[in-house]
């Protein structure tokens, strides 16, 4: 298993700091909008969900959206083939426990895009796991790995590779205007 820091050992210290800051800010900002669907800051914004079908399993506290799923709240949009929302009964009524998006997952906000085959948001730990060729794009910058995990409370992101697919980053330094 290779972590982000293991893949850039031969890069100058200045670029490592830039890459590290970019990685954290890019991944967190890109992934945070999944959690924003349930955040208190956006309670006044409606959540718009569109799919070919919806199944609600009251006893299992589970809602499944199937077929060309699109979830939109404010400027944030999530696309997937299937989305499962697991909830629990809490003091404030129903509370989201976990959201799983599967198949051609794409999260978009402005010029930022996260893609993969599976994304799982865990409300309690406020973490997001992306699997299945996950990659993060912001403009021309791209970060890829085998698994991307964002711990939102800790402001920490781990991008892992494996023997077959190492972590890969293409970073375009910002040019200063004169």
N, C-alpha and C. Protein backbone atom coordinates (compact mmCIF):
# COMPACT_ATOMS: atom_id res chain seq x y z
N UNK A 1 0.85 -1.16 0.00
CA UNK A 1 0.00 0.00 0.00
C UNK A 1 0.90 1.23 0.00
N UNK A 2 0.63 2.15 -0.89
CA UNK A 2 1.40 3.38 -0.98
C UNK A 2 0.51 4.55 -0.61
N UNK A 3 0.98 5.39 0.27
CA UNK A 3 0.23 6.59 0.61
C UNK A 3 0.75 7.75 -0.21
N UNK A 4 0.02 8.82 -0.23
CA UNK A 4 0.36 10.01 -1.02
C UNK A 4 1.81 10.41 -0.81
N UNK A 5 2.28 10.47 0.44
CA UNK A 5 3.63 10.94 0.72
C UNK A 5 4.70 10.01 0.16
N UNK A 6 4.40 8.74 -0.01
CA UNK A 6 5.37 7.79 -0.54
C UNK A 6 5.56 7.95 -2.04
N UNK A 7 4.66 8.57 -2.72
CA UNK A 7 4.74 8.65 -4.17
C UNK A 7 5.44 9.89 -4.68
N UNK A 8 5.77 10.83 -3.82
CA UNK A 8 6.40 12.07 -4.28
C UNK A 8 7.72 12.33 -3.57
N UNK A 9 8.41 11.27 -3.18
CA UNK A 9 9.63 11.41 -2.41
C UNK A 9 10.71 12.19 -3.14
N UNK A 10 10.74 12.12 -4.44
CA UNK A 10 11.79 12.78 -5.19
C UNK A 10 11.44 14.20 -5.63
N UNK A 11 10.32 14.73 -5.14
CA UNK A 11 9.91 16.09 -5.49
C UNK A 11 10.48 17.05 -4.44
N UNK A 12 10.84 18.24 -4.85
CA UNK A 12 11.40 19.23 -3.95
C UNK A 12 10.42 19.54 -2.83
N UNK A 13 10.96 19.95 -1.67
CA UNK A 13 10.16 20.22 -0.49
C UNK A 13 9.07 21.25 -0.75
N UNK A 14 9.39 22.29 -1.49
CA UNK A 14 8.40 23.32 -1.78
C UNK A 14 7.21 22.75 -2.53
N UNK A 15 7.46 21.89 -3.53
CA UNK A 15 6.38 21.30 -4.30
C UNK A 15 5.60 20.31 -3.44
N UNK A 16 6.28 19.62 -2.51
CA UNK A 16 5.58 18.70 -1.62
C UNK A 16 4.58 19.47 -0.78
N UNK A 17 4.99 20.60 -0.25
CA UNK A 17 4.07 21.39 0.56
C UNK A 17 2.89 21.86 -0.29
N UNK A 18 3.17 22.32 -1.51
CA UNK A 18 2.09 22.76 -2.39
C UNK A 18 1.15 21.60 -2.70
N UNK A 19 1.72 20.44 -3.05
CA UNK A 19 0.89 19.27 -3.37
C UNK A 19 0.06 18.84 -2.19
N UNK A 20 0.66 18.85 -0.99
CA UNK A 20 -0.05 18.44 0.20
C UNK A 20 -1.22 19.38 0.47
N UNK A 21 -0.97 20.69 0.38
CA UNK A 21 -2.04 21.65 0.59
C UNK A 21 -3.11 21.50 -0.48
N UNK A 22 -2.69 21.30 -1.73
CA UNK A 22 -3.65 21.12 -2.81
C UNK A 22 -4.49 19.88 -2.57
N UNK A 23 -3.82 18.78 -2.21
CA UNK A 23 -4.50 17.52 -2.00
C UNK A 23 -5.59 17.66 -0.96
N UNK A 24 -5.24 18.22 0.17
CA UNK A 24 -6.21 18.34 1.26
C UNK A 24 -7.34 19.28 0.86
N UNK A 25 -6.99 20.46 0.36
CA UNK A 25 -8.05 21.42 0.04
C UNK A 25 -8.92 20.94 -1.12
N UNK A 26 -8.30 20.35 -2.13
CA UNK A 26 -9.06 19.89 -3.29
C UNK A 26 -9.98 18.74 -2.91
N UNK A 27 -9.43 17.73 -2.26
CA UNK A 27 -10.23 16.56 -1.92
C UNK A 27 -11.32 16.92 -0.93
N UNK A 28 -10.97 17.66 0.10
CA UNK A 28 -11.97 18.02 1.09
C UNK A 28 -13.06 18.88 0.46
N UNK A 29 -12.67 19.88 -0.30
CA UNK A 29 -13.69 20.74 -0.89
C UNK A 29 -14.55 19.99 -1.89
N UNK A 30 -13.95 19.04 -2.57
CA UNK A 30 -14.74 18.27 -3.53
C UNK A 30 -15.66 17.28 -2.86
N UNK A 31 -15.18 16.68 -1.80
CA UNK A 31 -15.98 15.65 -1.15
C UNK A 31 -16.94 16.20 -0.12
N UNK A 32 -16.65 17.37 0.39
CA UNK A 32 -17.45 17.90 1.48
C UNK A 32 -18.90 18.16 1.07
N UNK A 33 -19.13 18.35 -0.23
CA UNK A 33 -20.51 18.62 -0.60
C UNK A 33 -21.40 17.39 -0.47
N UNK A 34 -20.84 16.20 -0.37
CA UNK A 34 -21.67 15.04 -0.08
C UNK A 34 -22.23 15.16 1.34
N UNK A 35 -21.36 15.54 2.26
CA UNK A 35 -21.84 15.72 3.63
C UNK A 35 -22.74 16.95 3.74
N UNK A 36 -22.53 17.92 2.87
CA UNK A 36 -23.34 19.13 2.91
C UNK A 36 -24.80 18.85 2.61
N UNK A 37 -25.08 17.74 1.96
CA UNK A 37 -26.48 17.39 1.71
C UNK A 37 -27.24 17.20 3.01
N UNK A 38 -26.50 16.91 4.10
CA UNK A 38 -27.15 16.70 5.38
C UNK A 38 -26.74 17.75 6.41
N UNK A 39 -26.02 18.78 5.99
CA UNK A 39 -25.52 19.75 6.96
C UNK A 39 -26.60 20.74 7.37
N UNK A 40 -26.43 21.27 8.57
CA UNK A 40 -27.37 22.24 9.10
C UNK A 40 -27.28 23.56 8.34
N UNK A 41 -26.11 23.87 7.78
CA UNK A 41 -25.91 25.14 7.09
C UNK A 41 -26.81 25.26 5.86
N UNK A 42 -27.24 24.14 5.32
CA UNK A 42 -28.06 24.17 4.11
C UNK A 42 -29.49 23.70 4.37
N UNK A 43 -29.94 23.77 5.60
CA UNK A 43 -31.28 23.25 5.89
C UNK A 43 -32.37 24.01 5.15
N UNK A 44 -32.09 25.25 4.75
CA UNK A 44 -33.11 26.00 4.03
C UNK A 44 -33.14 25.66 2.54
N UNK A 45 -32.12 24.96 2.06
CA UNK A 45 -32.09 24.57 0.65
C UNK A 45 -32.75 23.20 0.48
N UNK A 46 -33.61 23.07 -0.53
CA UNK A 46 -34.24 21.77 -0.75
C UNK A 46 -33.25 20.79 -1.37
N UNK A 47 -33.47 19.51 -1.10
CA UNK A 47 -32.71 18.44 -1.75
C UNK A 47 -33.60 17.92 -2.87
N UNK A 48 -33.09 17.98 -4.10
CA UNK A 48 -33.83 17.54 -5.26
C UNK A 48 -33.23 16.21 -5.70
N UNK A 49 -34.04 15.15 -5.70
CA UNK A 49 -33.58 13.81 -6.09
C UNK A 49 -34.43 13.34 -7.26
N UNK A 50 -33.74 12.85 -8.28
CA UNK A 50 -34.43 12.34 -9.46
C UNK A 50 -33.84 10.97 -9.79
N UNK A 51 -34.71 10.01 -10.09
CA UNK A 51 -34.25 8.67 -10.47
C UNK A 51 -35.36 7.97 -11.23
N UNK A 52 -35.02 6.83 -11.81
CA UNK A 52 -36.04 6.05 -12.53
C UNK A 52 -37.05 5.43 -11.57
N UNK A 53 -36.56 5.05 -10.36
CA UNK A 53 -37.47 4.47 -9.37
C UNK A 53 -36.93 4.69 -7.96
N UNK A 54 -37.83 4.55 -6.99
CA UNK A 54 -37.46 4.68 -5.58
C UNK A 54 -38.16 3.58 -4.80
N UNK A 55 -37.42 2.96 -3.89
CA UNK A 55 -37.98 1.94 -3.01
C UNK A 55 -37.72 2.35 -1.58
N UNK A 56 -38.75 2.29 -0.74
CA UNK A 56 -38.61 2.65 0.67
C UNK A 56 -38.91 1.43 1.52
N UNK A 57 -37.97 1.07 2.36
CA UNK A 57 -38.11 -0.07 3.26
C UNK A 57 -38.15 0.48 4.69
N UNK A 58 -39.37 0.71 5.17
CA UNK A 58 -39.55 1.37 6.47
C UNK A 58 -38.94 0.59 7.63
N UNK A 59 -39.12 -0.74 7.65
CA UNK A 59 -38.60 -1.55 8.76
C UNK A 59 -37.07 -1.57 8.79
N UNK A 60 -36.45 -1.47 7.63
CA UNK A 60 -34.98 -1.46 7.55
C UNK A 60 -34.40 -0.04 7.58
N UNK A 61 -35.27 0.97 7.63
CA UNK A 61 -34.82 2.37 7.59
C UNK A 61 -33.92 2.62 6.39
N UNK A 62 -34.40 2.24 5.23
CA UNK A 62 -33.60 2.29 4.01
C UNK A 62 -34.43 2.81 2.85
N UNK A 63 -33.82 3.73 2.09
CA UNK A 63 -34.42 4.23 0.87
C UNK A 63 -33.43 3.97 -0.26
N UNK A 64 -33.91 3.40 -1.37
CA UNK A 64 -33.04 3.10 -2.50
C UNK A 64 -33.57 3.81 -3.74
N UNK A 65 -32.71 4.59 -4.36
CA UNK A 65 -33.03 5.24 -5.63
C UNK A 65 -32.28 4.49 -6.72
N UNK A 66 -32.98 4.10 -7.78
CA UNK A 66 -32.38 3.31 -8.85
C UNK A 66 -32.52 3.99 -10.20
N UNK A 67 -31.47 3.85 -11.02
CA UNK A 67 -31.52 4.29 -12.40
C UNK A 67 -31.31 5.78 -12.60
N UNK A 68 -30.17 6.14 -13.14
CA UNK A 68 -29.86 7.54 -13.47
C UNK A 68 -30.19 8.48 -12.32
N UNK A 69 -29.63 8.20 -11.16
CA UNK A 69 -29.89 8.99 -9.96
C UNK A 69 -29.16 10.33 -10.05
N UNK A 70 -29.87 11.39 -9.72
CA UNK A 70 -29.27 12.71 -9.63
C UNK A 70 -29.76 13.36 -8.34
N UNK A 71 -28.82 13.81 -7.52
CA UNK A 71 -29.16 14.49 -6.28
C UNK A 71 -28.57 15.89 -6.37
N UNK A 72 -29.39 16.90 -6.13
CA UNK A 72 -28.92 18.28 -6.24
C UNK A 72 -29.35 19.06 -5.02
N UNK A 73 -28.42 19.83 -4.49
CA UNK A 73 -28.70 20.76 -3.39
C UNK A 73 -27.79 21.96 -3.58
N UNK A 74 -28.38 23.09 -3.84
CA UNK A 74 -27.59 24.28 -4.13
C UNK A 74 -26.77 24.05 -5.39
N UNK A 75 -25.47 24.31 -5.31
CA UNK A 75 -24.58 24.14 -6.46
C UNK A 75 -23.99 22.74 -6.55
N UNK A 76 -24.35 21.86 -5.64
CA UNK A 76 -23.77 20.53 -5.58
C UNK A 76 -24.67 19.51 -6.27
N UNK A 77 -24.06 18.64 -7.06
CA UNK A 77 -24.82 17.61 -7.76
C UNK A 77 -24.06 16.27 -7.67
N UNK A 78 -24.81 15.20 -7.40
CA UNK A 78 -24.25 13.85 -7.35
C UNK A 78 -25.02 13.01 -8.36
N UNK A 79 -24.27 12.26 -9.16
CA UNK A 79 -24.86 11.34 -10.14
C UNK A 79 -24.41 9.93 -9.79
N UNK A 80 -25.29 8.95 -9.98
CA UNK A 80 -24.94 7.54 -9.76
C UNK A 80 -26.00 6.66 -10.41
N UNK A 81 -25.67 5.41 -10.57
CA UNK A 81 -26.66 4.45 -11.08
C UNK A 81 -27.63 4.05 -9.97
N UNK A 82 -27.13 4.04 -8.72
CA UNK A 82 -27.92 3.59 -7.57
C UNK A 82 -27.49 4.37 -6.34
N UNK A 83 -28.44 4.75 -5.50
CA UNK A 83 -28.10 5.41 -4.25
C UNK A 83 -28.94 4.83 -3.13
N UNK A 84 -28.26 4.45 -2.05
CA UNK A 84 -28.94 3.92 -0.86
C UNK A 84 -28.75 4.92 0.27
N UNK A 85 -29.83 5.24 0.94
CA UNK A 85 -29.77 6.13 2.09
C UNK A 85 -30.28 5.35 3.29
N UNK A 86 -29.39 5.12 4.23
CA UNK A 86 -29.72 4.40 5.46
C UNK A 86 -29.91 5.46 6.54
N UNK A 87 -31.04 5.41 7.23
CA UNK A 87 -31.31 6.41 8.25
C UNK A 87 -31.69 5.75 9.56
N UNK A 88 -31.73 6.56 10.61
CA UNK A 88 -32.15 6.07 11.92
C UNK A 88 -33.09 7.10 12.52
N UNK A 89 -33.88 6.66 13.47
CA UNK A 89 -34.77 7.57 14.17
C UNK A 89 -33.96 8.22 15.28
N UNK A 90 -33.96 9.55 15.27
CA UNK A 90 -33.21 10.30 16.27
C UNK A 90 -34.11 11.28 16.98
N UNK A 91 -33.51 12.12 17.80
CA UNK A 91 -34.27 13.12 18.56
C UNK A 91 -34.95 14.13 17.65
N UNK A 92 -34.35 14.40 16.50
CA UNK A 92 -34.89 15.38 15.56
C UNK A 92 -35.68 14.69 14.44
N UNK A 93 -36.10 13.46 14.66
CA UNK A 93 -36.79 12.71 13.62
C UNK A 93 -35.81 11.81 12.90
N UNK A 94 -35.99 11.63 11.62
CA UNK A 94 -35.10 10.77 10.84
C UNK A 94 -33.77 11.47 10.60
N UNK A 95 -32.69 10.75 10.85
CA UNK A 95 -31.35 11.27 10.64
C UNK A 95 -30.60 10.32 9.72
N UNK A 96 -29.87 10.88 8.77
CA UNK A 96 -29.09 10.05 7.85
C UNK A 96 -27.93 9.43 8.60
N UNK A 97 -27.77 8.13 8.42
CA UNK A 97 -26.69 7.37 9.04
C UNK A 97 -25.56 7.11 8.03
N UNK A 98 -25.96 6.75 6.80
CA UNK A 98 -24.99 6.40 5.76
C UNK A 98 -25.62 6.62 4.39
N UNK A 99 -24.82 7.10 3.45
CA UNK A 99 -25.25 7.24 2.06
C UNK A 99 -24.27 6.47 1.20
N UNK A 100 -24.78 5.59 0.35
CA UNK A 100 -23.94 4.84 -0.57
C UNK A 100 -24.38 5.14 -1.99
N UNK A 101 -23.42 5.57 -2.80
CA UNK A 101 -23.68 5.79 -4.21
C UNK A 101 -22.88 4.75 -4.97
N UNK A 102 -23.52 4.09 -5.93
CA UNK A 102 -22.85 3.00 -6.65
C UNK A 102 -23.04 3.15 -8.16
N UNK A 103 -22.01 2.79 -8.90
CA UNK A 103 -22.07 2.77 -10.35
C UNK A 103 -21.97 4.14 -10.98
N UNK A 104 -20.87 4.38 -11.68
CA UNK A 104 -20.66 5.65 -12.39
C UNK A 104 -20.91 6.86 -11.50
N UNK A 105 -20.31 6.84 -10.33
CA UNK A 105 -20.50 7.92 -9.36
C UNK A 105 -19.74 9.15 -9.83
N UNK A 106 -20.43 10.28 -9.79
CA UNK A 106 -19.81 11.55 -10.18
C UNK A 106 -20.38 12.63 -9.28
N UNK A 107 -19.49 13.35 -8.59
CA UNK A 107 -19.88 14.46 -7.72
C UNK A 107 -19.33 15.73 -8.35
N UNK A 108 -20.18 16.72 -8.55
CA UNK A 108 -19.78 17.93 -9.28
C UNK A 108 -20.16 19.17 -8.50
N UNK A 109 -19.22 20.12 -8.45
CA UNK A 109 -19.47 21.44 -7.89
C UNK A 109 -18.54 22.41 -8.61
N UNK A 110 -19.11 23.26 -9.44
CA UNK A 110 -18.30 24.20 -10.20
C UNK A 110 -17.34 23.46 -11.12
N UNK A 111 -16.04 23.81 -11.06
CA UNK A 111 -15.04 23.14 -11.90
C UNK A 111 -14.42 21.94 -11.18
N UNK A 112 -15.02 21.52 -10.09
CA UNK A 112 -14.52 20.38 -9.31
C UNK A 112 -15.36 19.15 -9.60
N UNK A 113 -14.68 18.01 -9.71
CA UNK A 113 -15.39 16.77 -10.01
C UNK A 113 -14.67 15.60 -9.35
N UNK A 114 -15.44 14.72 -8.73
CA UNK A 114 -14.93 13.48 -8.15
C UNK A 114 -15.65 12.34 -8.85
N UNK A 115 -14.88 11.35 -9.30
CA UNK A 115 -15.50 10.20 -9.95
C UNK A 115 -14.99 8.90 -9.35
N UNK A 116 -15.76 7.85 -9.49
CA UNK A 116 -15.40 6.52 -9.01
C UNK A 116 -16.59 5.60 -9.24
N UNK A 117 -16.43 4.37 -8.83
CA UNK A 117 -17.54 3.42 -8.98
C UNK A 117 -18.39 3.32 -7.72
N UNK A 118 -17.82 3.78 -6.58
CA UNK A 118 -18.57 3.69 -5.32
C UNK A 118 -18.12 4.78 -4.37
N UNK A 119 -19.07 5.42 -3.73
CA UNK A 119 -18.78 6.42 -2.70
C UNK A 119 -19.66 6.12 -1.50
N UNK A 120 -19.06 6.12 -0.30
CA UNK A 120 -19.80 5.84 0.92
C UNK A 120 -19.54 6.97 1.90
N UNK A 121 -20.60 7.59 2.38
CA UNK A 121 -20.51 8.64 3.38
C UNK A 121 -21.02 8.07 4.69
N UNK A 122 -20.19 8.17 5.75
CA UNK A 122 -20.56 7.72 7.08
C UNK A 122 -20.80 8.95 7.95
N UNK A 123 -22.03 9.18 8.36
CA UNK A 123 -22.40 10.38 9.10
C UNK A 123 -21.70 10.44 10.46
N UNK A 124 -21.69 9.33 11.22
CA UNK A 124 -21.14 9.35 12.57
C UNK A 124 -19.66 9.74 12.59
N UNK A 125 -18.87 9.14 11.72
CA UNK A 125 -17.44 9.46 11.68
C UNK A 125 -17.14 10.62 10.74
N UNK A 126 -18.16 11.11 10.06
CA UNK A 126 -18.02 12.16 9.05
C UNK A 126 -16.85 11.86 8.12
N UNK A 127 -16.93 10.68 7.53
CA UNK A 127 -15.90 10.28 6.58
C UNK A 127 -16.54 9.82 5.28
N UNK A 128 -15.76 9.95 4.23
CA UNK A 128 -16.21 9.54 2.90
C UNK A 128 -15.14 8.64 2.32
N UNK A 129 -15.56 7.51 1.78
CA UNK A 129 -14.65 6.56 1.15
C UNK A 129 -15.05 6.45 -0.32
N UNK A 130 -14.07 6.63 -1.20
CA UNK A 130 -14.29 6.47 -2.64
C UNK A 130 -13.50 5.28 -3.13
N UNK A 131 -14.15 4.41 -3.90
CA UNK A 131 -13.53 3.19 -4.41
C UNK A 131 -13.81 3.04 -5.91
N UNK A 132 -13.09 2.14 -6.55
CA UNK A 132 -13.34 1.86 -7.97
C UNK A 132 -12.77 2.93 -8.87
N UNK A 133 -11.46 2.99 -8.96
CA UNK A 133 -10.77 4.00 -9.79
C UNK A 133 -11.15 5.43 -9.42
N UNK A 134 -11.10 5.77 -8.14
CA UNK A 134 -11.49 7.12 -7.77
C UNK A 134 -10.48 8.15 -8.25
N UNK A 135 -10.99 9.29 -8.65
CA UNK A 135 -10.11 10.39 -9.01
C UNK A 135 -10.79 11.71 -8.69
N UNK A 136 -9.96 12.68 -8.38
CA UNK A 136 -10.42 14.01 -8.03
C UNK A 136 -9.85 14.97 -9.07
N UNK A 137 -10.70 15.82 -9.63
CA UNK A 137 -10.26 16.81 -10.61
C UNK A 137 -10.69 18.19 -10.14
N UNK A 138 -9.79 19.13 -10.31
CA UNK A 138 -10.14 20.53 -10.12
C UNK A 138 -9.43 21.28 -11.23
N UNK A 139 -10.21 21.76 -12.19
CA UNK A 139 -9.59 22.34 -13.39
C UNK A 139 -8.81 21.26 -14.10
N UNK A 140 -7.52 21.51 -14.35
CA UNK A 140 -6.67 20.52 -15.01
C UNK A 140 -5.96 19.60 -14.02
N UNK A 141 -6.00 19.91 -12.72
CA UNK A 141 -5.33 19.11 -11.70
C UNK A 141 -6.10 17.82 -11.46
N UNK A 142 -5.35 16.70 -11.34
CA UNK A 142 -5.97 15.39 -11.15
C UNK A 142 -5.18 14.61 -10.10
N UNK A 143 -5.91 13.94 -9.20
CA UNK A 143 -5.31 13.01 -8.24
C UNK A 143 -6.07 11.70 -8.36
N UNK A 144 -5.33 10.59 -8.51
CA UNK A 144 -5.93 9.26 -8.65
C UNK A 144 -5.32 8.32 -7.63
N UNK A 145 -6.07 7.29 -7.28
CA UNK A 145 -5.57 6.27 -6.38
C UNK A 145 -6.48 5.05 -6.42
N UNK A 146 -6.19 4.10 -5.59
CA UNK A 146 -7.01 2.90 -5.46
C UNK A 146 -8.19 3.17 -4.52
N UNK A 147 -7.93 4.00 -3.50
CA UNK A 147 -8.93 4.31 -2.48
C UNK A 147 -8.66 5.72 -1.95
N UNK A 148 -9.72 6.50 -1.84
CA UNK A 148 -9.60 7.84 -1.27
C UNK A 148 -10.52 7.90 -0.06
N UNK A 149 -9.95 8.26 1.09
CA UNK A 149 -10.72 8.39 2.31
C UNK A 149 -10.54 9.80 2.85
N UNK A 150 -11.64 10.49 3.07
CA UNK A 150 -11.60 11.83 3.63
C UNK A 150 -12.25 11.80 5.00
N UNK A 151 -11.49 12.20 6.02
CA UNK A 151 -11.99 12.33 7.38
C UNK A 151 -12.28 13.81 7.59
N UNK A 152 -13.54 14.17 7.48
CA UNK A 152 -13.92 15.58 7.43
C UNK A 152 -13.70 16.30 8.75
N UNK A 153 -13.98 15.66 9.88
CA UNK A 153 -13.78 16.29 11.19
C UNK A 153 -12.30 16.59 11.43
N UNK A 154 -11.44 15.70 10.98
CA UNK A 154 -10.01 15.83 11.21
C UNK A 154 -9.30 16.63 10.13
N UNK A 155 -10.01 17.02 9.08
CA UNK A 155 -9.41 17.72 7.95
C UNK A 155 -8.22 16.91 7.42
N UNK A 156 -8.47 15.62 7.22
CA UNK A 156 -7.41 14.69 6.82
C UNK A 156 -7.91 13.85 5.66
N UNK A 157 -7.06 13.67 4.65
CA UNK A 157 -7.40 12.84 3.51
C UNK A 157 -6.26 11.86 3.26
N UNK A 158 -6.61 10.62 3.01
CA UNK A 158 -5.62 9.60 2.68
C UNK A 158 -5.96 9.06 1.30
N UNK A 159 -4.98 9.13 0.42
CA UNK A 159 -5.14 8.57 -0.92
C UNK A 159 -4.19 7.40 -1.00
N UNK A 160 -4.73 6.22 -1.20
CA UNK A 160 -3.94 5.01 -1.18
C UNK A 160 -3.84 4.39 -2.57
N UNK A 161 -2.71 3.75 -2.80
CA UNK A 161 -2.51 2.97 -4.00
C UNK A 161 -2.24 1.54 -3.59
N UNK A 162 -1.96 0.71 -4.56
CA UNK A 162 -1.55 -0.65 -4.26
C UNK A 162 -0.43 -1.02 -5.22
N UNK A 163 -0.06 -2.28 -5.25
CA UNK A 163 1.06 -2.72 -6.08
C UNK A 163 0.80 -2.44 -7.56
N UNK A 164 -0.43 -2.62 -8.00
CA UNK A 164 -0.75 -2.43 -9.41
C UNK A 164 -1.00 -0.97 -9.78
N UNK A 165 -1.59 -0.22 -8.88
CA UNK A 165 -1.93 1.17 -9.18
C UNK A 165 -1.47 2.08 -8.05
N UNK A 166 -0.38 2.79 -8.31
CA UNK A 166 0.15 3.72 -7.32
C UNK A 166 -0.64 5.03 -7.38
N UNK A 167 -0.51 5.83 -6.36
CA UNK A 167 -1.14 7.14 -6.34
C UNK A 167 -0.49 7.98 -7.43
N UNK A 168 -1.32 8.72 -8.15
CA UNK A 168 -0.82 9.56 -9.24
C UNK A 168 -1.44 10.95 -9.11
N UNK A 169 -0.60 11.97 -9.23
CA UNK A 169 -1.09 13.34 -9.16
C UNK A 169 -0.48 14.14 -10.30
N UNK A 170 -1.31 14.93 -10.94
CA UNK A 170 -0.86 15.87 -11.96
C UNK A 170 -1.31 17.24 -11.46
N UNK A 171 -0.34 18.06 -11.09
CA UNK A 171 -0.61 19.36 -10.51
C UNK A 171 -0.06 20.45 -11.42
N UNK A 172 -0.89 21.38 -11.78
CA UNK A 172 -0.46 22.53 -12.57
C UNK A 172 -0.29 23.70 -11.61
N UNK A 173 0.95 24.14 -11.38
CA UNK A 173 1.16 25.27 -10.47
C UNK A 173 0.42 26.51 -10.96
N UNK A 174 -0.08 27.26 -10.01
CA UNK A 174 -0.76 28.50 -10.37
C UNK A 174 0.29 29.50 -10.82
N UNK A 175 -0.01 30.20 -11.88
CA UNK A 175 0.90 31.22 -12.37
C UNK A 175 0.43 32.55 -11.83
N UNK A 176 1.40 33.32 -11.37
CA UNK A 176 1.06 34.63 -10.81
C UNK A 176 0.92 35.64 -11.92
N UNK A 177 -0.10 36.47 -11.82
CA UNK A 177 -0.30 37.51 -12.81
C UNK A 177 0.56 38.72 -12.43
N UNK A 178 1.19 39.31 -13.43
CA UNK A 178 2.04 40.47 -13.17
C UNK A 178 1.37 41.73 -13.61
